[in-house]
Amino acid sequence: MNCVCGSGETYDDCCGPLLARTRPALGPEALMRSRYAAYVLKDFDYIVETTDPDTTHLFDHDSNRAWLAQSSFVGLQVLASAEKGSRGTVEFIARYQRGDGPQQTHHER
């Protein structure tokens, strides 16, 4: 089965081991792809676990869990990825739909 993150790799070679917590992300793009996969697969705990510890206190668990339950993720496009030492950036567009509503995009860097 191809990975839900759209990498072209199999799930078992891509995001599967990260979501199974048997392997850490090997870089910022891998982490971002695994977080997208967690949204697709509704693995809320992984999303919380991989949220920046400096911003976890801003994370509203109840409203985010409810939002995730009502959303379907339909595509990921990685626009850019850079890594320097232990830090990096990824620019991406994630497409999702809430209920029967129109498809929406989330663009982040």
PDB file of N, CA and C in Angstrom:
ATOM      1  N   MET A   1       0.854  -1.179   0.000  1.00  0.00           N
ATOM      2  CA  MET A   1       0.000   0.000   0.000  1.00  0.00           C
ATOM      3  C   MET A   1       0.899   1.241   0.000  1.00  0.00           C
ATOM      4  N   ASN A   2       0.599   2.193  -0.892  1.00  0.00           N
ATOM      5  CA  ASN A   2       1.342   3.454  -0.916  1.00  0.00           C
ATOM      6  C   ASN A   2       1.035   4.266   0.340  1.00  0.00           C
ATOM      7  N   CYS A   3       2.029   5.006   0.789  1.00  0.00           N
ATOM      8  CA  CYS A   3       1.855   5.814   1.987  1.00  0.00           C
ATOM      9  C   CYS A   3       0.840   6.924   1.733  1.00  0.00           C
ATOM     10  N   VAL A   4       0.041   7.200   2.735  1.00  0.00           N
ATOM     11  CA  VAL A   4      -1.004   8.228   2.627  1.00  0.00           C
ATOM     12  C   VAL A   4      -0.428   9.631   2.521  1.00  0.00           C
ATOM     13  N   CYS A   5       0.878   9.804   2.796  1.00  0.00           N
ATOM     14  CA  CYS A   5       1.487  11.137   2.726  1.00  0.00           C
ATOM     15  C   CYS A   5       1.833  11.530   1.293  1.00  0.00           C
ATOM     16  N   GLY A   6       1.710  10.589   0.349  1.00  0.00           N
ATOM     17  CA  GLY A   6       1.959  10.905  -1.054  1.00  0.00           C
ATOM     18  C   GLY A   6       3.420  10.869  -1.454  1.00  0.00           C
ATOM     19  N   SER A   7       4.282  10.282  -0.642  1.00  0.00           N
ATOM     20  CA  SER A   7       5.714  10.245  -0.945  1.00  0.00           C
ATOM     21  C   SER A   7       6.045   9.318  -2.109  1.00  0.00           C
ATOM     22  N   GLY A   8       5.162   8.383  -2.407  1.00  0.00           N
ATOM     23  CA  GLY A   8       5.440   7.380  -3.428  1.00  0.00           C
ATOM     24  C   GLY A   8       6.035   6.108  -2.843  1.00  0.00           C
ATOM     25  N   GLU A   9       6.417   6.147  -1.579  1.00  0.00           N
ATOM     26  CA  GLU A   9       6.941   4.969  -0.896  1.00  0.00           C
ATOM     27  C   GLU A   9       5.780   4.176  -0.304  1.00  0.00           C
ATOM     28  N   THR A  10       6.070   2.941   0.098  1.00  0.00           N
ATOM     29  CA  THR A  10       5.045   2.167   0.792  1.00  0.00           C
ATOM     30  C   THR A  10       4.871   2.722   2.199  1.00  0.00           C
ATOM     31  N   TYR A  11       3.702   2.509   2.752  1.00  0.00           N
ATOM     32  CA  TYR A  11       3.427   2.971   4.120  1.00  0.00           C
ATOM     33  C   TYR A  11       4.422   2.363   5.098  1.00  0.00           C
ATOM     34  N   ASP A  12       4.753   1.072   4.911  1.00  0.00           N
ATOM     35  CA  ASP A  12       5.671   0.393   5.824  1.00  0.00           C
ATOM     36  C   ASP A  12       7.093   0.932   5.745  1.00  0.00           C
ATOM     37  N   ASP A  13       7.471   1.548   4.627  1.00  0.00           N
ATOM     38  CA  ASP A  13       8.807   2.126   4.477  1.00  0.00           C
ATOM     39  C   ASP A  13       8.834   3.625   4.722  1.00  0.00           C
ATOM     40  N   CYS A  14       7.679   4.227   4.940  1.00  0.00           N
ATOM     41  CA  CYS A  14       7.599   5.682   5.061  1.00  0.00           C
ATOM     42  C   CYS A  14       7.067   6.067   6.437  1.00  0.00           C
ATOM     43  N   CYS A  15       5.808   6.377   6.536  1.00  0.00           N
ATOM     44  CA  CYS A  15       5.233   6.889   7.779  1.00  0.00           C
ATOM     45  C   CYS A  15       4.818   5.803   8.766  1.00  0.00           C
ATOM     46  N   GLY A  16       4.633   4.587   8.301  1.00  0.00           N
ATOM     47  CA  GLY A  16       4.191   3.509   9.183  1.00  0.00           C
ATOM     48  C   GLY A  16       5.037   3.340  10.433  1.00  0.00           C
ATOM     49  N   PRO A  17       6.371   3.204  10.302  1.00  0.00           N
ATOM     50  CA  PRO A  17       7.198   3.028  11.506  1.00  0.00           C
ATOM     51  C   PRO A  17       7.172   4.239  12.445  1.00  0.00           C
ATOM     52  N   LEU A  18       6.981   5.428  11.909  1.00  0.00           N
ATOM     53  CA  LEU A  18       6.914   6.617  12.759  1.00  0.00           C
ATOM     54  C   LEU A  18       5.623   6.607  13.566  1.00  0.00           C
ATOM     55  N   LEU A  19       4.498   6.326  12.903  1.00  0.00           N
ATOM     56  CA  LEU A  19       3.230   6.292  13.616  1.00  0.00           C
ATOM     57  C   LEU A  19       3.144   5.102  14.567  1.00  0.00           C
ATOM     58  N   ALA A  20       3.911   4.034  14.296  1.00  0.00           N
ATOM     59  CA  ALA A  20       3.983   2.888  15.205  1.00  0.00           C
ATOM     60  C   ALA A  20       4.945   3.154  16.359  1.00  0.00           C
ATOM     61  N   ARG A  21       5.613   4.305  16.284  1.00  0.00           N
ATOM     62  CA  ARG A  21       6.585   4.727  17.309  1.00  0.00           C
ATOM     63  C   ARG A  21       7.772   3.772  17.400  1.00  0.00           C
ATOM     64  N   THR A  22       8.142   3.150  16.260  1.00  0.00           N
ATOM     65  CA  THR A  22       9.298   2.252  16.246  1.00  0.00           C
ATOM     66  C   THR A  22      10.517   2.889  15.596  1.00  0.00           C
ATOM     67  N   ARG A  23      10.324   4.059  14.979  1.00  0.00           N
ATOM     68  CA  ARG A  23      11.438   4.781  14.367  1.00  0.00           C
ATOM     69  C   ARG A  23      11.136   6.271  14.414  1.00  0.00           C
ATOM     70  N   PRO A  24      12.124   7.088  14.772  1.00  0.00           N
ATOM     71  CA  PRO A  24      11.894   8.542  14.754  1.00  0.00           C
ATOM     72  C   PRO A  24      11.996   9.079  13.326  1.00  0.00           C
ATOM     73  N   ALA A  25      11.458  10.248  13.119  1.00  0.00           N
ATOM     74  CA  ALA A  25      11.586  10.929  11.823  1.00  0.00           C
ATOM     75  C   ALA A  25      13.049  11.264  11.589  1.00  0.00           C
ATOM     76  N   LEU A  26      13.512  11.056  10.368  1.00  0.00           N
ATOM     77  CA  LEU A  26      14.912  11.291  10.038  1.00  0.00           C
ATOM     78  C   LEU A  26      15.176  12.699   9.521  1.00  0.00           C
ATOM     79  N   GLY A  27      14.180  13.550   9.557  1.00  0.00           N
ATOM     80  CA  GLY A  27      14.348  14.933   9.131  1.00  0.00           C
ATOM     81  C   GLY A  27      13.028  15.654   9.180  1.00  0.00           C
ATOM     82  N   PRO A  28      13.055  16.968   8.915  1.00  0.00           N
ATOM     83  CA  PRO A  28      11.825  17.757   9.030  1.00  0.00           C
ATOM     84  C   PRO A  28      10.741  17.346   8.032  1.00  0.00           C
ATOM     85  N   GLU A  29      11.120  17.003   6.807  1.00  0.00           N
ATOM     86  CA  GLU A  29      10.087  16.599   5.842  1.00  0.00           C
ATOM     87  C   GLU A  29       9.446  15.281   6.260  1.00  0.00           C
ATOM     88  N   ALA A  30      10.251  14.339   6.736  1.00  0.00           N
ATOM     89  CA  ALA A  30       9.703  13.060   7.204  1.00  0.00           C
ATOM     90  C   ALA A  30       8.756  13.274   8.376  1.00  0.00           C
ATOM     91  N   LEU A  31       9.119  14.184   9.283  1.00  0.00           N
ATOM     92  CA  LEU A  31       8.251  14.488  10.419  1.00  0.00           C
ATOM     93  C   LEU A  31       6.942  15.101   9.947  1.00  0.00           C
ATOM     94  N   MET A  32       7.030  16.080   9.042  1.00  0.00           N
ATOM     95  CA  MET A  32       5.814  16.729   8.545  1.00  0.00           C
ATOM     96  C   MET A  32       4.932  15.713   7.808  1.00  0.00           C
ATOM     97  N   ARG A  33       5.536  14.857   6.973  1.00  0.00           N
ATOM     98  CA  ARG A  33       4.750  13.843   6.264  1.00  0.00           C
ATOM     99  C   ARG A  33       4.077  12.892   7.250  1.00  0.00           C
ATOM    100  N   SER A  34       4.790  12.511   8.308  1.00  0.00           N
ATOM    101  CA  SER A  34       4.197  11.599   9.288  1.00  0.00           C
ATOM    102  C   SER A  34       3.055  12.280  10.039  1.00  0.00           C
ATOM    103  N   ARG A  35       3.190  13.567  10.294  1.00  0.00           N
ATOM    104  CA  ARG A  35       2.096  14.295  10.949  1.00  0.00           C
ATOM    105  C   ARG A  35       0.877  14.364  10.027  1.00  0.00           C
ATOM    106  N   TYR A  36       1.117  14.591   8.729  1.00  0.00           N
ATOM    107  CA  TYR A  36       0.002  14.574   7.776  1.00  0.00           C
ATOM    108  C   TYR A  36      -0.662  13.193   7.787  1.00  0.00           C
ATOM    109  N   ALA A  37       0.159  12.133   7.755  1.00  0.00           N
ATOM    110  CA  ALA A  37      -0.391  10.775   7.796  1.00  0.00           C
ATOM    111  C   ALA A  37      -1.218  10.572   9.061  1.00  0.00           C
ATOM    112  N   ALA A  38      -0.768  11.128  10.173  1.00  0.00           N
ATOM    113  CA  ALA A  38      -1.525  11.016  11.420  1.00  0.00           C
ATOM    114  C   ALA A  38      -2.884  11.705  11.304  1.00  0.00           C
ATOM    115  N   TYR A  39      -2.930  12.828  10.601  1.00  0.00           N
ATOM    116  CA  TYR A  39      -4.221  13.492  10.371  1.00  0.00           C
ATOM    117  C   TYR A  39      -5.115  12.608   9.507  1.00  0.00           C
ATOM    118  N   VAL A  40      -4.556  12.038   8.444  1.00  0.00           N
ATOM    119  CA  VAL A  40      -5.335  11.157   7.558  1.00  0.00           C
ATOM    120  C   VAL A  40      -5.903   9.986   8.353  1.00  0.00           C
ATOM    121  N   LEU A  41      -5.058   9.379   9.171  1.00  0.00           N
ATOM    122  CA  LEU A  41      -5.431   8.171   9.907  1.00  0.00           C
ATOM    123  C   LEU A  41      -6.053   8.461  11.266  1.00  0.00           C
ATOM    124  N   LYS A  42      -6.193   9.753  11.585  1.00  0.00           N
ATOM    125  CA  LYS A  42      -6.834  10.213  12.822  1.00  0.00           C
ATOM    126  C   LYS A  42      -6.109   9.699  14.069  1.00  0.00           C
ATOM    127  N   ASP A  43      -4.783   9.736  14.018  1.00  0.00           N
ATOM    128  CA  ASP A  43      -3.950   9.354  15.160  1.00  0.00           C
ATOM    129  C   ASP A  43      -3.646  10.623  15.960  1.00  0.00           C
ATOM    130  N   PHE A  44      -4.623  11.050  16.733  1.00  0.00           N
ATOM    131  CA  PHE A  44      -4.527  12.306  17.475  1.00  0.00           C
ATOM    132  C   PHE A  44      -3.353  12.304  18.451  1.00  0.00           C
ATOM    133  N   ASP A  45      -3.097  11.175  19.086  1.00  0.00           N
ATOM    134  CA  ASP A  45      -2.000  11.109  20.051  1.00  0.00           C
ATOM    135  C   ASP A  45      -0.657  11.417  19.392  1.00  0.00           C
ATOM    136  N   TYR A  46      -0.436  10.915  18.176  1.00  0.00           N
ATOM    137  CA  TYR A  46       0.823  11.191  17.473  1.00  0.00           C
ATOM    138  C   TYR A  46       0.948  12.683  17.171  1.00  0.00           C
ATOM    139  N   ILE A  47      -0.148  13.291  16.790  1.00  0.00           N
ATOM    140  CA  ILE A  47      -0.129  14.729  16.507  1.00  0.00           C
ATOM    141  C   ILE A  47       0.279  15.499  17.765  1.00  0.00           C
ATOM    142  N   VAL A  48      -0.286  15.135  18.890  1.00  0.00           N
ATOM    143  CA  VAL A  48       0.058  15.800  20.148  1.00  0.00           C
ATOM    144  C   VAL A  48       1.520  15.526  20.504  1.00  0.00           C
ATOM    145  N   GLU A  49       1.939  14.267  20.393  1.00  0.00           N
ATOM    146  CA  GLU A  49       3.312  13.885  20.746  1.00  0.00           C
ATOM    147  C   GLU A  49       4.366  14.614  19.911  1.00  0.00           C
ATOM    148  N   THR A  50       4.025  14.961  18.678  1.00  0.00           N
ATOM    149  CA  THR A  50       4.995  15.588  17.776  1.00  0.00           C
ATOM    150  C   THR A  50       4.793  17.094  17.641  1.00  0.00           C
ATOM    151  N   THR A  51       3.955  17.664  18.473  1.00  0.00           N
ATOM    152  CA  THR A  51       3.793  19.112  18.509  1.00  0.00           C
ATOM    153  C   THR A  51       4.985  19.713  19.249  1.00  0.00           C
ATOM    154  N   ASP A  52       5.477  20.828  18.771  1.00  0.00           N
ATOM    155  CA  ASP A  52       6.611  21.509  19.395  1.00  0.00           C
ATOM    156  C   ASP A  52       6.338  21.691  20.887  1.00  0.00           C
ATOM    157  N   PRO A  53       7.216  21.152  21.741  1.00  0.00           N
ATOM    158  CA  PRO A  53       6.992  21.262  23.191  1.00  0.00           C
ATOM    159  C   PRO A  53       6.841  22.706  23.680  1.00  0.00           C
ATOM    160  N   ASP A  54       7.443  23.648  22.977  1.00  0.00           N
ATOM    161  CA  ASP A  54       7.329  25.051  23.383  1.00  0.00           C
ATOM    162  C   ASP A  54       5.941  25.626  23.113  1.00  0.00           C
ATOM    163  N   THR A  55       5.151  24.939  22.278  1.00  0.00           N
ATOM    164  CA  THR A  55       3.812  25.453  21.948  1.00  0.00           C
ATOM    165  C   THR A  55       2.688  24.531  22.413  1.00  0.00           C
ATOM    166  N   THR A  56       3.023  23.419  23.042  1.00  0.00           N
ATOM    167  CA  THR A  56       2.005  22.465  23.477  1.00  0.00           C
ATOM    168  C   THR A  56       0.958  23.109  24.380  1.00  0.00           C
ATOM    169  N   HIS A  57       1.373  24.056  25.202  1.00  0.00           N
ATOM    170  CA  HIS A  57       0.421  24.709  26.115  1.00  0.00           C
ATOM    171  C   HIS A  57      -0.642  25.512  25.356  1.00  0.00           C
ATOM    172  N   LEU A  58      -0.407  25.829  24.090  1.00  0.00           N
ATOM    173  CA  LEU A  58      -1.372  26.562  23.277  1.00  0.00           C
ATOM    174  C   LEU A  58      -2.362  25.628  22.572  1.00  0.00           C
ATOM    175  N   PHE A  59      -2.110  24.348  22.637  1.00  0.00           N
ATOM    176  CA  PHE A  59      -2.875  23.342  21.901  1.00  0.00           C
ATOM    177  C   PHE A  59      -4.159  23.007  22.648  1.00  0.00           C
ATOM    178  N   ASP A  60      -5.297  23.301  22.043  1.00  0.00           N
ATOM    179  CA  ASP A  60      -6.602  23.004  22.639  1.00  0.00           C
ATOM    180  C   ASP A  60      -6.999  21.584  22.234  1.00  0.00           C
ATOM    181  N   HIS A  61      -6.796  20.636  23.130  1.00  0.00           N
ATOM    182  CA  HIS A  61      -7.016  19.222  22.815  1.00  0.00           C
ATOM    183  C   HIS A  61      -8.454  18.935  22.394  1.00  0.00           C
ATOM    184  N   ASP A  62      -9.414  19.424  23.122  1.00  0.00           N
ATOM    185  CA  ASP A  62     -10.814  19.100  22.832  1.00  0.00           C
ATOM    186  C   ASP A  62     -11.258  19.624  21.478  1.00  0.00           C
ATOM    187  N   SER A  63     -10.976  20.882  21.184  1.00  0.00           N
ATOM    188  CA  SER A  63     -11.430  21.440  19.905  1.00  0.00           C
ATOM    189  C   SER A  63     -10.645  20.839  18.738  1.00  0.00           C
ATOM    190  N   ASN A  64      -9.364  20.564  18.938  1.00  0.00           N
ATOM    191  CA  ASN A  64      -8.584  19.943  17.859  1.00  0.00           C
ATOM    192  C   ASN A  64      -9.023  18.506  17.610  1.00  0.00           C
ATOM    193  N   ARG A  65      -9.338  17.780  18.644  1.00  0.00           N
ATOM    194  CA  ARG A  65      -9.822  16.404  18.470  1.00  0.00           C
ATOM    195  C   ARG A  65     -11.166  16.406  17.731  1.00  0.00           C
ATOM    196  N   ALA A  66     -12.053  17.336  18.069  1.00  0.00           N
ATOM    197  CA  ALA A  66     -13.355  17.439  17.394  1.00  0.00           C
ATOM    198  C   ALA A  66     -13.171  17.837  15.936  1.00  0.00           C
ATOM    199  N   TRP A  67     -12.273  18.797  15.673  1.00  0.00           N
ATOM    200  CA  TRP A  67     -12.001  19.218  14.300  1.00  0.00           C
ATOM    201  C   TRP A  67     -11.479  18.052  13.480  1.00  0.00           C
ATOM    202  N   LEU A  68     -10.558  17.265  14.042  1.00  0.00           N
ATOM    203  CA  LEU A  68      -9.996  16.119  13.337  1.00  0.00           C
ATOM    204  C   LEU A  68     -11.072  15.086  13.017  1.00  0.00           C
ATOM    205  N   ALA A  69     -11.965  14.840  13.953  1.00  0.00           N
ATOM    206  CA  ALA A  69     -13.020  13.849  13.748  1.00  0.00           C
ATOM    207  C   ALA A  69     -13.934  14.227  12.589  1.00  0.00           C
ATOM    208  N   GLN A  70     -14.090  15.516  12.323  1.00  0.00           N
ATOM    209  CA  GLN A  70     -14.990  15.984  11.270  1.00  0.00           C
ATOM    210  C   GLN A  70     -14.283  16.206   9.939  1.00  0.00           C
ATOM    211  N   SER A  71     -12.977  15.978   9.884  1.00  0.00           N
ATOM    212  CA  SER A  71     -12.195  16.324   8.689  1.00  0.00           C
ATOM    213  C   SER A  71     -11.666  15.084   7.985  1.00  0.00           C
ATOM    214  N   SER A  72     -11.581  15.189   6.658  1.00  0.00           N
ATOM    215  CA  SER A  72     -10.968  14.156   5.820  1.00  0.00           C
ATOM    216  C   SER A  72      -9.848  14.819   5.032  1.00  0.00           C
ATOM    217  N   PHE A  73      -8.682  14.220   5.044  1.00  0.00           N
ATOM    218  CA  PHE A  73      -7.525  14.783   4.351  1.00  0.00           C
ATOM    219  C   PHE A  73      -7.368  14.093   3.011  1.00  0.00           C
ATOM    220  N   VAL A  74      -7.228  14.900   1.961  1.00  0.00           N
ATOM    221  CA  VAL A  74      -7.305  14.346   0.605  1.00  0.00           C
ATOM    222  C   VAL A  74      -6.060  14.572  -0.239  1.00  0.00           C
ATOM    223  N   GLY A  75      -5.042  15.236   0.283  1.00  0.00           N
ATOM    224  CA  GLY A  75      -3.831  15.396  -0.508  1.00  0.00           C
ATOM    225  C   GLY A  75      -2.808  16.284   0.159  1.00  0.00           C
ATOM    226  N   LEU A  76      -1.543  15.996  -0.139  1.00  0.00           N
ATOM    227  CA  LEU A  76      -0.428  16.760   0.400  1.00  0.00           C
ATOM    228  C   LEU A  76       0.524  17.089  -0.732  1.00  0.00           C
ATOM    229  N   GLN A  77       0.944  18.329  -0.797  1.00  0.00           N
ATOM    230  CA  GLN A  77       1.936  18.777  -1.773  1.00  0.00           C
ATOM    231  C   GLN A  77       3.059  19.462  -1.004  1.00  0.00           C
ATOM    232  N   VAL A  78       4.266  18.902  -1.093  1.00  0.00           N
ATOM    233  CA  VAL A  78       5.431  19.515  -0.463  1.00  0.00           C
ATOM    234  C   VAL A  78       6.026  20.490  -1.468  1.00  0.00           C
ATOM    235  N   LEU A  79       6.108  21.761  -1.086  1.00  0.00           N
ATOM    236  CA  LEU A  79       6.626  22.796  -1.977  1.00  0.00           C
ATOM    237  C   LEU A  79       8.128  23.002  -1.808  1.00  0.00           C
ATOM    238  N   ALA A  80       8.613  22.870  -0.585  1.00  0.00           N
ATOM    239  CA  ALA A  80      10.044  23.059  -0.319  1.00  0.00           C
ATOM    240  C   ALA A  80      10.386  22.398   1.006  1.00  0.00           C
ATOM    241  N   SER A  81      11.637  21.961   1.115  1.00  0.00           N
ATOM    242  CA  SER A  81      12.114  21.348   2.337  1.00  0.00           C
ATOM    243  C   SER A  81      13.592  21.660   2.481  1.00  0.00           C
ATOM    244  N   ALA A  82      14.000  22.124   3.651  1.00  0.00           N
ATOM    245  CA  ALA A  82      15.406  22.453   3.901  1.00  0.00           C
ATOM    246  C   ALA A  82      15.768  22.017   5.310  1.00  0.00           C
ATOM    247  N   GLU A  83      17.014  21.630   5.484  1.00  0.00           N
ATOM    248  CA  GLU A  83      17.482  21.150   6.775  1.00  0.00           C
ATOM    249  C   GLU A  83      18.874  21.697   7.029  1.00  0.00           C
ATOM    250  N   LYS A  84      19.096  22.171   8.242  1.00  0.00           N
ATOM    251  CA  LYS A  84      20.419  22.646   8.638  1.00  0.00           C
ATOM    252  C   LYS A  84      20.636  22.202  10.079  1.00  0.00           C
ATOM    253  N   GLY A  85      21.526  21.242  10.243  1.00  0.00           N
ATOM    254  CA  GLY A  85      21.751  20.697  11.571  1.00  0.00           C
ATOM    255  C   GLY A  85      20.509  19.995  12.070  1.00  0.00           C
ATOM    256  N   SER A  86      20.102  20.309  13.279  1.00  0.00           N
ATOM    257  CA  SER A  86      18.920  19.675  13.866  1.00  0.00           C
ATOM    258  C   SER A  86      17.641  20.459  13.601  1.00  0.00           C
ATOM    259  N   ARG A  87      17.711  21.492  12.787  1.00  0.00           N
ATOM    260  CA  ARG A  87      16.537  22.332  12.498  1.00  0.00           C
ATOM    261  C   ARG A  87      16.237  22.299  11.010  1.00  0.00           C
ATOM    262  N   GLY A  88      15.015  22.621  10.669  1.00  0.00           N
ATOM    263  CA  GLY A  88      14.651  22.646   9.266  1.00  0.00           C
ATOM    264  C   GLY A  88      13.304  23.296   9.062  1.00  0.00           C
ATOM    265  N   THR A  89      12.980  23.478   7.810  1.00  0.00           N
ATOM    266  CA  THR A  89      11.671  24.029   7.450  1.00  0.00           C
ATOM    267  C   THR A  89      11.086  23.210   6.316  1.00  0.00           C
ATOM    268  N   VAL A  90       9.782  23.157   6.294  1.00  0.00           N
ATOM    269  CA  VAL A  90       9.048  22.494   5.221  1.00  0.00           C
ATOM    270  C   VAL A  90       7.892  23.403   4.858  1.00  0.00           C
ATOM    271  N   GLU A  91       7.737  23.658   3.588  1.00  0.00           N
ATOM    272  CA  GLU A  91       6.575  24.401   3.110  1.00  0.00           C
ATOM    273  C   GLU A  91       5.682  23.407   2.386  1.00  0.00           C
ATOM    274  N   PHE A  92       4.411  23.415   2.739  1.00  0.00           N
ATOM    275  CA  PHE A  92       3.500  22.431   2.159  1.00  0.00           C
ATOM    276  C   PHE A  92       2.088  22.985   2.052  1.00  0.00           C
ATOM    277  N   ILE A  93       1.307  22.300   1.244  1.00  0.00           N
ATOM    278  CA  ILE A  93      -0.127  22.558   1.140  1.00  0.00           C
ATOM    279  C   ILE A  93      -0.836  21.236   1.405  1.00  0.00           C
ATOM    280  N   ALA A  94      -1.699  21.225   2.395  1.00  0.00           N
ATOM    281  CA  ALA A  94      -2.521  20.058   2.704  1.00  0.00           C
ATOM    282  C   ALA A  94      -3.954  20.385   2.298  1.00  0.00           C
ATOM    283  N   ARG A  95      -4.593  19.435   1.619  1.00  0.00           N
ATOM    284  CA  ARG A  95      -5.986  19.615   1.221  1.00  0.00           C
ATOM    285  C   ARG A  95      -6.860  18.724   2.101  1.00  0.00           C
ATOM    286  N   TYR A  96      -7.969  19.315   2.560  1.00  0.00           N
ATOM    287  CA  TYR A  96      -8.878  18.583   3.427  1.00  0.00           C
ATOM    288  C   TYR A  96     -10.301  19.052   3.201  1.00  0.00           C
ATOM    289  N   GLN A  97     -11.218  18.291   3.756  1.00  0.00           N
ATOM    290  CA  GLN A  97     -12.640  18.611   3.654  1.00  0.00           C
ATOM    291  C   GLN A  97     -13.271  18.343   5.005  1.00  0.00           C
ATOM    292  N   ARG A  98     -14.146  19.236   5.426  1.00  0.00           N
ATOM    293  CA  ARG A  98     -14.882  19.054   6.683  1.00  0.00           C
ATOM    294  C   ARG A  98     -16.307  18.669   6.351  1.00  0.00           C
ATOM    295  N   GLY A  99     -16.695  17.478   6.770  1.00  0.00           N
ATOM    296  CA  GLY A  99     -18.051  17.003   6.501  1.00  0.00           C
ATOM    297  C   GLY A  99     -18.339  17.017   5.011  1.00  0.00           C
ATOM    298  N   ASP A 100     -19.500  17.568   4.641  1.00  0.00           N
ATOM    299  CA  ASP A 100     -19.897  17.660   3.233  1.00  0.00           C
ATOM    300  C   ASP A 100     -19.488  18.995   2.621  1.00  0.00           C
ATOM    301  N   GLY A 101     -18.715  19.791   3.353  1.00  0.00           N
ATOM    302  CA  GLY A 101     -18.321  21.118   2.886  1.00  0.00           C
ATOM    303  C   GLY A 101     -17.330  21.062   1.738  1.00  0.00           C
ATOM    304  N   PRO A 102     -16.955  22.222   1.244  1.00  0.00           N
ATOM    305  CA  PRO A 102     -16.015  22.283   0.120  1.00  0.00           C
ATOM    306  C   PRO A 102     -14.606  21.900   0.562  1.00  0.00           C
ATOM    307  N   GLN A 103     -13.814  21.468  -0.386  1.00  0.00           N
ATOM    308  CA  GLN A 103     -12.416  21.159  -0.119  1.00  0.00           C
ATOM    309  C   GLN A 103     -11.684  22.452   0.250  1.00  0.00           C
ATOM    310  N   GLN A 104     -10.812  22.373   1.241  1.00  0.00           N
ATOM    311  CA  GLN A 104     -10.067  23.530   1.705  1.00  0.00           C
ATOM    312  C   GLN A 104      -8.580  23.222   1.660  1.00  0.00           C
ATOM    313  N   THR A 105      -7.771  24.265   1.743  1.00  0.00           N
ATOM    314  CA  THR A 105      -6.320  24.076   1.757  1.00  0.00           C
ATOM    315  C   THR A 105      -5.721  24.711   2.998  1.00  0.00           C
ATOM    316  N   HIS A 106      -4.643  24.118   3.452  1.00  0.00           N
ATOM    317  CA  HIS A 106      -3.860  24.653   4.565  1.00  0.00           C
ATOM    318  C   HIS A 106      -2.437  24.784   4.034  1.00  0.00           C
ATOM    319  N   HIS A 107      -1.941  26.025   3.919  1.00  0.00           N
ATOM    320  CA  HIS A 107      -0.606  26.308   3.404  1.00  0.00           C
ATOM    321  C   HIS A 107       0.247  26.760   4.582  1.00  0.00           C
ATOM    322  N   GLU A 108       1.359  26.068   4.791  1.00  0.00           N
ATOM    323  CA  GLU A 108       2.197  26.380   5.951  1.00  0.00           C
ATOM    324  C   GLU A 108       3.664  26.262   5.596  1.00  0.00           C
ATOM    325  N   ARG A 109       4.459  27.069   6.270  1.00  0.00           N
ATOM    326  CA  ARG A 109       5.914  26.973   6.156  1.00  0.00           C
ATOM    327  C   ARG A 109       6.469  26.910   7.557  1.00  0.00           C
TER     328      ARG A 109
END
